[in-house]
Amino acid sequence: IRPLWRHYYRNTQALIFVVDSHNKRRIYQARNELHRLLHEDELRDATILVFANKQDLPNAMRVSDVADKLKLHSISQHR
């Protein structure tokens, strides 16, 4: 499905990115996908909202850990 995403980029005003905070093995894949999206010209001006889903589960990553692993602090430097 991901290759089809680009067909929906035009006129996008906001991007909602949901991360499974319980799945530590896939967080880096999520980071790479998020940063790939952020480099798309048509998404350059879109507002970004990141949800850390499944916070209620035991051993879920803390929100601050999710933010660090996704490198969210570096996003504003590139936009």
C-alpha atoms as a PDB file:
ATOM      1  CA  ILE A   1       0.000   0.000   0.000  1.00  0.00           C
ATOM      2  CA  ARG A   2       2.867   2.413   0.744  1.00  0.00           C
ATOM      3  CA  PRO A   3       3.763   2.905  -2.934  1.00  0.00           C
ATOM      4  CA  LEU A   4       0.220   4.218  -3.445  1.00  0.00           C
ATOM      5  CA  TRP A   5       0.503   6.881  -0.736  1.00  0.00           C
ATOM      6  CA  ARG A   6       2.060   9.405  -3.103  1.00  0.00           C
ATOM      7  CA  HIS A   7      -1.191   9.593  -5.057  1.00  0.00           C
ATOM      8  CA  TYR A   8      -2.755  11.295  -2.016  1.00  0.00           C
ATOM      9  CA  TYR A   9      -0.039  13.877  -1.266  1.00  0.00           C
ATOM     10  CA  ARG A  10      -1.392  16.746  -3.352  1.00  0.00           C
ATOM     11  CA  ASN A  11      -3.165  19.399  -1.265  1.00  0.00           C
ATOM     12  CA  THR A  12      -2.363  17.570   1.967  1.00  0.00           C
ATOM     13  CA  GLN A  13      -2.534  19.991   4.872  1.00  0.00           C
ATOM     14  CA  ALA A  14      -1.787  17.580   7.701  1.00  0.00           C
ATOM     15  CA  LEU A  15      -0.031  14.279   8.180  1.00  0.00           C
ATOM     16  CA  ILE A  16      -1.096  11.991  11.035  1.00  0.00           C
ATOM     17  CA  PHE A  17       1.549   9.357  11.710  1.00  0.00           C
ATOM     18  CA  VAL A  18       0.649   6.566  14.149  1.00  0.00           C
ATOM     19  CA  VAL A  19       3.412   4.526  15.775  1.00  0.00           C
ATOM     20  CA  ASP A  20       2.987   1.294  17.721  1.00  0.00           C
ATOM     21  CA  SER A  21       4.882   2.192  20.886  1.00  0.00           C
ATOM     22  CA  HIS A  22       4.795  -1.427  22.011  1.00  0.00           C
ATOM     23  CA  ASN A  23       6.638  -2.749  18.940  1.00  0.00           C
ATOM     24  CA  LYS A  24      10.262  -1.819  19.588  1.00  0.00           C
ATOM     25  CA  ARG A  25      11.521  -3.882  16.657  1.00  0.00           C
ATOM     26  CA  ARG A  26       9.744  -1.736  14.063  1.00  0.00           C
ATOM     27  CA  ILE A  27      10.367   1.734  15.476  1.00  0.00           C
ATOM     28  CA  TYR A  28      13.359   2.314  13.192  1.00  0.00           C
ATOM     29  CA  GLN A  29      11.326   1.263  10.166  1.00  0.00           C
ATOM     30  CA  ALA A  30       8.686   3.770  11.262  1.00  0.00           C
ATOM     31  CA  ARG A  31      11.372   6.460  11.643  1.00  0.00           C
ATOM     32  CA  ASN A  32      12.689   5.827   8.143  1.00  0.00           C
ATOM     33  CA  GLU A  33       9.194   5.926   6.678  1.00  0.00           C
ATOM     34  CA  LEU A  34       8.306   9.146   8.492  1.00  0.00           C
ATOM     35  CA  HIS A  35      11.465  10.908   7.347  1.00  0.00           C
ATOM     36  CA  ARG A  36      10.946   9.648   3.798  1.00  0.00           C
ATOM     37  CA  LEU A  37       7.485  11.219   3.839  1.00  0.00           C
ATOM     38  CA  LEU A  38       8.864  14.470   5.176  1.00  0.00           C
ATOM     39  CA  HIS A  39      11.237  14.757   2.222  1.00  0.00           C
ATOM     40  CA  GLU A  40       8.371  14.680  -0.281  1.00  0.00           C
ATOM     41  CA  ASP A  41       7.932  18.100  -1.893  1.00  0.00           C
ATOM     42  CA  GLU A  42       4.141  17.906  -1.781  1.00  0.00           C
ATOM     43  CA  LEU A  43       4.196  17.330   1.997  1.00  0.00           C
ATOM     44  CA  ARG A  44       6.711  20.086   2.727  1.00  0.00           C
ATOM     45  CA  ASP A  45       4.137  22.464   4.256  1.00  0.00           C
ATOM     46  CA  ALA A  46       1.961  19.841   5.944  1.00  0.00           C
ATOM     47  CA  THR A  47       1.419  19.948   9.689  1.00  0.00           C
ATOM     48  CA  ILE A  48       2.609  16.766  11.405  1.00  0.00           C
ATOM     49  CA  LEU A  49       0.881  14.958  14.261  1.00  0.00           C
ATOM     50  CA  VAL A  50       2.540  11.826  15.681  1.00  0.00           C
ATOM     51  CA  PHE A  51       0.554   9.435  17.865  1.00  0.00           C
ATOM     52  CA  ALA A  52       2.343   6.906  20.075  1.00  0.00           C
ATOM     53  CA  ASN A  53      -0.326   4.209  20.118  1.00  0.00           C
ATOM     54  CA  LYS A  54      -0.682   1.385  22.689  1.00  0.00           C
ATOM     55  CA  GLN A  55       0.710   3.372  25.599  1.00  0.00           C
ATOM     56  CA  ASP A  56      -1.521   1.338  27.908  1.00  0.00           C
ATOM     57  CA  LEU A  57       0.381  -1.899  27.279  1.00  0.00           C
ATOM     58  CA  PRO A  58       3.123  -3.081  29.599  1.00  0.00           C
ATOM     59  CA  ASN A  59       6.639  -2.444  28.289  1.00  0.00           C
ATOM     60  CA  ALA A  60       5.462   0.166  25.806  1.00  0.00           C
ATOM     61  CA  MET A  61       8.077   2.781  25.018  1.00  0.00           C
ATOM     62  CA  ARG A  62       7.614   6.085  26.765  1.00  0.00           C
ATOM     63  CA  VAL A  63       6.542   9.003  24.592  1.00  0.00           C
ATOM     64  CA  SER A  64       9.949  10.617  25.066  1.00  0.00           C
ATOM     65  CA  ASP A  65      11.662   7.412  23.883  1.00  0.00           C
ATOM     66  CA  VAL A  66       9.428   7.258  20.819  1.00  0.00           C
ATOM     67  CA  ALA A  67      10.246  10.893  20.050  1.00  0.00           C
ATOM     68  CA  ASP A  68      13.970  10.198  20.387  1.00  0.00           C
ATOM     69  CA  LYS A  69      13.910   7.062  18.248  1.00  0.00           C
ATOM     70  CA  LEU A  70      11.867   8.807  15.544  1.00  0.00           C
ATOM     71  CA  LYS A  71      14.264  11.773  15.735  1.00  0.00           C
ATOM     72  CA  LEU A  72      11.321  14.147  16.019  1.00  0.00           C
ATOM     73  CA  HIS A  73      13.526  16.916  17.386  1.00  0.00           C
ATOM     74  CA  SER A  74      15.413  17.042  14.083  1.00  0.00           C
ATOM     75  CA  ILE A  75      12.289  17.580  12.000  1.00  0.00           C
ATOM     76  CA  SER A  76      11.956  21.305  12.617  1.00  0.00           C
ATOM     77  CA  GLN A  77      15.539  21.765  11.458  1.00  0.00           C
ATOM     78  CA  HIS A  78      14.658  20.408   8.021  1.00  0.00           C
ATOM     79  CA  ARG A  79      11.346  22.181   7.476  1.00  0.00           C
END
